[in-house]
N, C-alpha and C. Protein backbone atom coordinates (compact mmCIF):
# COMPACT_ATOMS: atom_id res chain seq x y z
N UNK A 1 -31.41 3.07 -2.27
CA UNK A 1 -30.51 3.85 -1.86
C UNK A 1 -30.93 4.78 -3.24
N UNK A 2 -29.89 5.99 -3.36
CA UNK A 2 -29.85 6.82 -4.04
C UNK A 2 -28.51 6.80 -4.45
N UNK A 3 -28.83 7.55 -6.17
CA UNK A 3 -26.82 7.52 -6.61
C UNK A 3 -26.36 8.02 -5.65
N UNK A 4 -26.36 9.60 -5.37
CA UNK A 4 -26.48 10.39 -4.30
C UNK A 4 -25.79 9.58 -2.88
N UNK A 5 -26.47 8.94 -1.95
CA UNK A 5 -25.74 7.66 -0.57
C UNK A 5 -24.71 7.02 -1.63
N UNK A 6 -24.95 6.69 -2.45
CA UNK A 6 -24.24 5.33 -3.36
C UNK A 6 -23.16 6.55 -3.06
N UNK A 7 -22.84 7.53 -4.16
CA UNK A 7 -21.18 7.69 -4.04
C UNK A 7 -21.12 8.79 -2.69
N UNK A 8 -21.61 8.37 -1.64
CA UNK A 8 -21.38 9.13 -0.19
C UNK A 8 -20.49 7.87 0.37
N UNK A 9 -21.23 7.22 0.31
CA UNK A 9 -20.86 5.40 0.86
C UNK A 9 -19.22 5.08 0.22
N UNK A 10 -19.40 5.71 -0.81
CA UNK A 10 -18.10 5.42 -2.03
C UNK A 10 -16.67 6.54 -1.07
N UNK A 11 -17.54 7.46 -1.26
CA UNK A 11 -16.24 8.09 -0.69
C UNK A 11 -16.07 8.60 0.41
N UNK A 12 -16.69 7.54 1.54
CA UNK A 12 -16.47 7.01 2.80
C UNK A 12 -15.86 5.85 2.60
N UNK A 13 -15.81 5.01 2.36
CA UNK A 13 -14.56 3.89 1.70
C UNK A 13 -13.50 4.41 1.96
N UNK A 14 -13.09 5.07 0.33
CA UNK A 14 -12.22 5.37 0.19
C UNK A 14 -11.58 6.30 1.31
N UNK A 15 -12.07 7.17 1.76
CA UNK A 15 -11.41 7.58 2.88
C UNK A 15 -10.92 7.70 4.05
N UNK A 16 -11.27 6.11 4.50
CA UNK A 16 -11.16 5.31 5.37
C UNK A 16 -10.04 4.22 4.76
N UNK A 17 -9.40 3.70 3.28
CA UNK A 17 -8.69 3.02 2.99
C UNK A 17 -7.54 3.99 2.99
N UNK A 18 -7.76 5.30 2.58
CA UNK A 18 -6.30 5.47 2.47
C UNK A 18 -5.99 6.48 3.65
N UNK A 19 -7.13 6.37 4.73
CA UNK A 19 -6.63 6.46 6.61
C UNK A 19 -5.79 5.68 7.08
N UNK A 20 -6.15 4.25 6.26
CA UNK A 20 -5.59 2.84 7.00
C UNK A 20 -4.28 2.92 6.28
N UNK A 21 -3.91 2.79 5.14
CA UNK A 21 -2.96 3.31 4.73
C UNK A 21 -2.02 4.55 5.52
N UNK A 22 -2.52 5.56 5.52
CA UNK A 22 -1.19 6.47 6.50
C UNK A 22 -1.17 5.71 7.50
N UNK A 23 -1.67 5.19 8.33
CA UNK A 23 -1.75 5.02 9.74
C UNK A 23 -0.48 3.21 10.09
N UNK A 24 -0.49 2.48 7.92
CA UNK A 24 0.55 1.55 8.04
C UNK A 24 1.59 2.11 8.13
N UNK A 25 2.09 3.16 6.76
CA UNK A 25 2.97 4.25 6.76
C UNK A 25 3.67 4.15 7.58
N UNK A 26 2.67 4.98 9.01
CA UNK A 26 3.37 4.92 10.25
C UNK A 26 4.02 4.75 11.19
N UNK A 27 2.73 3.22 10.93
CA UNK A 27 3.55 2.27 11.85
C UNK A 27 4.52 1.60 11.38
N UNK A 28 4.95 1.31 10.38
CA UNK A 28 6.00 0.85 9.68
C UNK A 28 7.61 2.13 10.03
N UNK A 29 7.07 3.43 9.34
CA UNK A 29 7.74 4.20 9.90
C UNK A 29 8.73 3.65 11.38
N UNK A 30 8.02 4.13 12.66
CA UNK A 30 8.24 4.23 13.61
C UNK A 30 9.31 2.19 14.03
N UNK A 31 8.12 0.85 13.56
CA UNK A 31 9.25 0.11 13.37
C UNK A 31 10.47 0.17 12.46
N UNK A 32 11.07 1.31 11.47
CA UNK A 32 11.94 1.28 11.03
C UNK A 32 12.88 1.76 12.07
N UNK A 33 12.20 2.92 12.66
CA UNK A 33 13.40 4.15 13.54
C UNK A 33 13.85 3.06 14.55
N UNK A 34 13.20 2.04 15.27
CA UNK A 34 13.38 1.43 16.62
C UNK A 34 14.29 0.12 15.72
N UNK A 35 13.97 -0.36 14.46
CA UNK A 35 14.92 -1.48 14.16
C UNK A 35 16.49 -0.62 13.59
N UNK A 36 16.47 0.84 13.75
CA UNK A 36 17.80 1.38 12.96
C UNK A 36 17.89 2.38 14.03
N UNK A 37 18.33 2.70 15.51
CA UNK A 37 18.25 3.93 16.09
C UNK A 37 19.36 4.76 15.67
N UNK A 38 20.27 4.40 14.96
CA UNK A 38 21.57 5.56 14.22
C UNK A 38 21.24 6.19 13.16
N UNK A 39 19.63 4.96 12.48
CA UNK A 39 20.07 6.51 11.30
C UNK A 39 19.29 7.52 10.94
N UNK A 40 19.78 8.21 10.34
CA UNK A 40 19.27 9.41 10.11
C UNK A 40 18.20 9.66 9.24
N UNK A 41 17.39 10.55 9.74
CA UNK A 41 15.71 11.03 8.91
C UNK A 41 15.39 11.37 7.57
N UNK A 42 16.62 11.43 7.03
CA UNK A 42 16.67 10.66 5.38
C UNK A 42 17.30 9.41 5.35
N UNK A 43 17.87 8.54 5.69
CA UNK A 43 18.32 7.12 5.69
C UNK A 43 16.61 6.22 6.07
N UNK A 44 16.24 6.63 7.27
CA UNK A 44 14.92 6.43 7.46
C UNK A 44 13.82 6.66 6.63
N UNK A 45 13.70 7.68 5.71
CA UNK A 45 13.13 8.00 4.55
C UNK A 45 12.98 7.20 3.16
N UNK A 46 14.22 7.11 3.21
CA UNK A 46 15.05 5.86 1.84
C UNK A 46 14.08 3.99 2.76
N UNK A 47 14.76 4.13 3.58
CA UNK A 47 14.61 2.87 4.08
C UNK A 47 12.77 2.67 4.17
N UNK A 48 11.94 3.53 4.14
CA UNK A 48 10.56 3.34 4.54
C UNK A 48 9.89 3.45 2.53
N UNK A 49 11.39 3.94 2.06
CA UNK A 49 10.78 4.11 0.23
C UNK A 49 10.47 3.14 -0.05
N UNK A 50 11.88 2.33 0.54
CA UNK A 50 12.15 1.09 -0.29
C UNK A 50 11.58 -0.08 0.33
N UNK A 51 10.87 0.20 1.59
CA UNK A 51 9.81 -0.48 1.56
C UNK A 51 8.09 -0.61 1.26
N UNK A 52 8.28 0.97 0.73
CA UNK A 52 6.66 1.38 0.09
C UNK A 52 7.27 0.53 -1.35
N UNK A 53 7.81 0.77 -2.11
CA UNK A 53 7.77 -0.31 -3.39
C UNK A 53 8.43 -1.31 -3.44
N UNK A 54 9.11 -2.21 -2.89
CA UNK A 54 8.88 -3.40 -3.23
C UNK A 54 8.12 -4.66 -2.18
N UNK A 55 7.51 -3.91 -1.26
CA UNK A 55 7.00 -4.53 -0.38
C UNK A 55 7.26 -5.88 0.19
N UNK A 56 8.11 -6.03 1.28
CA UNK A 56 8.98 -7.31 1.17
C UNK A 56 7.25 -7.92 1.68
N UNK A 57 7.14 -9.87 1.02
CA UNK A 57 5.91 -10.65 1.87
C UNK A 57 5.06 -10.34 1.00
N UNK A 58 4.69 -8.94 0.22
CA UNK A 58 3.63 -9.18 -0.32
C UNK A 58 4.11 -9.10 -1.71
N UNK A 59 5.65 -9.49 -2.25
CA UNK A 59 5.64 -8.85 -3.70
C UNK A 59 4.66 -9.01 -4.81
N UNK A 60 3.98 -9.99 -4.79
CA UNK A 60 3.02 -10.03 -5.99
C UNK A 60 1.39 -9.58 -5.56
N UNK A 61 1.34 -9.24 -4.22
CA UNK A 61 -0.10 -8.73 -3.84
C UNK A 61 0.08 -9.28 -2.46
N UNK A 62 -1.66 -8.80 -2.19
CA UNK A 62 -1.83 -9.43 -0.89
C UNK A 62 -2.49 -10.79 -0.96
N UNK A 63 -3.38 -10.44 -1.95
CA UNK A 63 -4.09 -11.64 -1.89
C UNK A 63 -3.08 -13.22 -1.98
N UNK A 64 -4.35 -13.85 -1.58
CA UNK A 64 -3.53 -15.92 -2.05
C UNK A 64 -4.38 -15.79 -3.44
N UNK A 65 -3.81 -17.06 -4.02
CA UNK A 65 -3.39 -17.19 -5.79
C UNK A 65 -2.25 -17.89 -6.16
N UNK A 66 -2.70 -17.90 -7.53
CA UNK A 66 -1.37 -17.50 -8.69
C UNK A 66 -1.21 -16.20 -8.92
N UNK A 67 -0.26 -16.09 -8.77
CA UNK A 67 0.30 -14.72 -9.41
C UNK A 67 0.06 -14.37 -10.81
N UNK A 68 -0.64 -12.83 -11.07
CA UNK A 68 -0.58 -13.59 -12.48
C UNK A 68 -0.28 -11.47 -13.52
N UNK A 69 0.25 -11.95 -14.77
CA UNK A 69 0.61 -10.96 -14.61
C UNK A 69 -0.25 -9.90 -15.34
N UNK A 70 -0.53 -8.67 -14.99
CA UNK A 70 -2.46 -8.65 -16.25
C UNK A 70 -1.32 -8.12 -17.43
N UNK A 71 -0.73 -6.85 -17.52
CA UNK A 71 0.09 -6.39 -19.27
C UNK A 71 0.07 -7.91 -20.00
N UNK A 72 0.84 -8.67 -19.45
CA UNK A 72 0.53 -10.56 -20.60
C UNK A 72 -0.70 -10.35 -20.85
N UNK A 73 -2.21 -11.18 -19.62
CA UNK A 73 -3.43 -10.73 -19.58
C UNK A 73 -3.75 -9.56 -20.70
N UNK A 74 -3.33 -8.31 -20.77
CA UNK A 74 -3.80 -7.68 -21.63
C UNK A 74 -3.67 -7.80 -22.29
N UNK A 75 -2.29 -7.92 -23.11
CA UNK A 75 -1.82 -7.66 -24.36
C UNK A 75 -2.56 -9.34 -25.37
N UNK A 76 -2.96 -10.49 -25.01
CA UNK A 76 -3.21 -11.70 -25.48
C UNK A 76 -4.82 -11.27 -25.83
N UNK A 77 -5.49 -10.52 -24.62
CA UNK A 77 -6.90 -10.04 -25.30
C UNK A 77 -6.88 -9.07 -26.41
N UNK A 78 -6.27 -8.78 -26.45
CA UNK A 78 -6.16 -7.67 -27.61
C UNK A 78 -5.92 -7.77 -29.24
């Protein structure tokens, strides 16, 4: 595999990850609209922003295992 094809694959994978993220945001926006039918567009944007920041159900990340404070780990190694 050449460096060029490796770069192309990395770019394609990143593009796909961004597209999946955008699709997830769009789905949540639709979900919030259904949950809050009387909310204004501004309120819905605020709810979506809150969801993106707080990540309910995945506050410590999407993976399994014990949450790790990466900042603390980094300070300990310095």
